[in-house]
Amino acid sequence: MPGIDRNVERRTPLGGVSGRRGAVGAALEWLGHPVTVAGLAVLLVNDHVLKQAWPGPVTGKLSDFAGLVLAPPLLAVLMALPLGGRVRERPWRPGRSSRSGRPSRP
């Protein structure tokens, strides 16, 4: 549309700034988020140190939780890489369903 600058930076849900970076850049930004990096650190320390020192259900659940924090951004990167930035970001419009464009039912 004329008059709309598509290169304008906007805030992402994770608090970062998004420009024209595409799907790969967004996924890498999510993977580099401090919560995701902390999840990776907890997973590595838990699996290589804590499980040998104090085996039990607590270390098992800690590993499960850290894996759940780490898995979604890792899968997003792995799914975005083959696409090579061919996914475009579409703005969400309230009152519209994502498939048909007709208003969604309550």
Protein backbone atom coordinates (compact mmCIF):
# COMPACT_ATOMS: atom_id res chain seq x y z
CA MET A 1 0.00 0.00 0.00
CA PRO A 2 1.33 3.45 -0.74
CA GLY A 3 2.51 5.45 2.22
CA ILE A 4 3.31 2.42 4.39
CA ASP A 5 6.97 1.90 5.24
CA ARG A 6 7.48 -1.82 5.67
CA ASN A 7 11.04 -1.31 6.98
CA VAL A 8 9.79 0.25 10.20
CA GLU A 9 10.99 -1.58 13.28
CA ARG A 10 8.35 -2.87 15.69
CA ARG A 11 8.40 -4.56 19.08
CA THR A 12 8.25 -8.34 19.20
CA PRO A 13 6.34 -10.33 21.83
CA LEU A 14 9.65 -11.19 23.49
CA GLY A 15 10.61 -7.53 23.88
CA GLY A 16 13.05 -7.34 20.98
CA VAL A 17 12.88 -5.16 17.93
CA SER A 18 11.80 -6.65 14.65
CA GLY A 19 12.60 -5.29 11.21
CA ARG A 20 12.62 -7.20 7.94
CA ARG A 21 14.48 -10.19 9.30
CA GLY A 22 12.19 -13.01 8.20
CA ALA A 23 11.39 -16.31 9.84
CA VAL A 24 14.97 -17.42 10.38
CA GLY A 25 15.94 -14.20 12.13
CA ALA A 26 12.88 -14.32 14.36
CA ALA A 27 13.57 -17.93 15.31
CA LEU A 28 17.24 -17.18 16.02
CA GLU A 29 16.21 -14.21 18.16
CA TRP A 30 13.94 -16.52 20.15
CA LEU A 31 16.73 -19.10 20.48
CA GLY A 32 19.10 -16.43 21.80
CA HIS A 33 16.62 -15.09 24.36
CA PRO A 34 18.00 -15.16 27.94
CA VAL A 35 15.27 -17.55 29.15
CA THR A 36 16.09 -20.02 26.38
CA VAL A 37 19.83 -19.78 27.05
CA ALA A 38 19.17 -20.31 30.77
CA GLY A 39 17.08 -23.38 29.90
CA LEU A 40 20.01 -24.78 27.92
CA ALA A 41 22.40 -24.11 30.82
CA VAL A 42 20.06 -25.80 33.30
CA LEU A 43 19.67 -28.79 30.98
CA LEU A 44 23.43 -29.21 30.54
CA VAL A 45 24.28 -28.77 34.25
CA ASN A 46 21.44 -31.02 35.31
CA ASP A 47 22.30 -33.83 32.90
CA HIS A 48 26.07 -33.77 33.40
CA VAL A 49 26.43 -32.83 37.08
CA LEU A 50 23.26 -33.00 39.14
CA LYS A 51 21.96 -36.36 37.91
CA GLN A 52 25.23 -38.05 38.87
CA ALA A 53 25.44 -36.32 42.26
CA TRP A 54 21.76 -36.59 43.30
CA PRO A 55 19.81 -38.99 41.08
CA GLY A 56 16.09 -38.97 41.63
CA PRO A 57 12.75 -37.60 40.49
CA VAL A 58 13.67 -33.94 41.11
CA THR A 59 16.56 -33.96 38.65
CA GLY A 60 14.41 -35.83 36.16
CA LYS A 61 11.63 -33.24 36.34
CA LEU A 62 14.16 -30.40 36.15
CA SER A 63 15.50 -31.91 32.95
CA ASP A 64 11.96 -32.24 31.57
CA PHE A 65 11.16 -28.60 32.36
CA ALA A 66 14.41 -27.31 30.82
CA GLY A 67 13.73 -29.39 27.71
CA LEU A 68 10.26 -27.88 27.40
CA VAL A 69 11.76 -24.38 27.57
CA LEU A 70 14.41 -25.19 24.96
CA ALA A 71 12.43 -27.31 22.48
CA PRO A 72 10.04 -24.74 20.89
CA PRO A 73 12.68 -22.18 19.81
CA LEU A 74 14.99 -24.96 18.63
CA LEU A 75 12.20 -26.48 16.53
CA ALA A 76 11.34 -23.02 15.18
CA VAL A 77 14.92 -22.58 13.95
CA LEU A 78 15.00 -26.06 12.43
CA MET A 79 11.69 -25.46 10.64
CA ALA A 80 12.63 -21.95 9.44
CA LEU A 81 16.03 -22.87 7.97
CA PRO A 82 14.71 -24.91 5.01
CA LEU A 83 12.23 -22.15 4.18
CA GLY A 84 15.08 -19.67 3.75
CA GLY A 85 13.07 -16.59 4.66
CA ARG A 86 10.19 -17.34 2.31
CA VAL A 87 7.66 -16.89 5.11
CA ARG A 88 6.24 -13.40 5.37
CA GLU A 89 4.90 -11.94 8.55
CA ARG A 90 1.23 -11.04 8.36
CA PRO A 91 -0.29 -8.68 10.88
CA TRP A 92 -2.96 -10.13 13.11
CA ARG A 93 -6.33 -8.45 12.77
CA PRO A 94 -8.86 -8.80 15.59
CA GLY A 95 -12.14 -10.39 14.62
CA ARG A 96 -10.70 -12.32 11.69
CA SER A 97 -9.92 -15.99 11.56
CA SER A 98 -6.58 -16.95 10.11
CA ARG A 99 -8.00 -19.25 7.43
CA SER A 100 -11.02 -17.79 5.72
CA GLY A 101 -10.87 -14.07 6.45
CA ARG A 102 -14.43 -14.17 7.75
CA PRO A 103 -15.21 -13.11 11.32
CA SER A 104 -14.70 -15.93 13.78
CA ARG A 105 -17.61 -17.31 15.76
CA PRO A 106 -17.73 -16.89 19.56
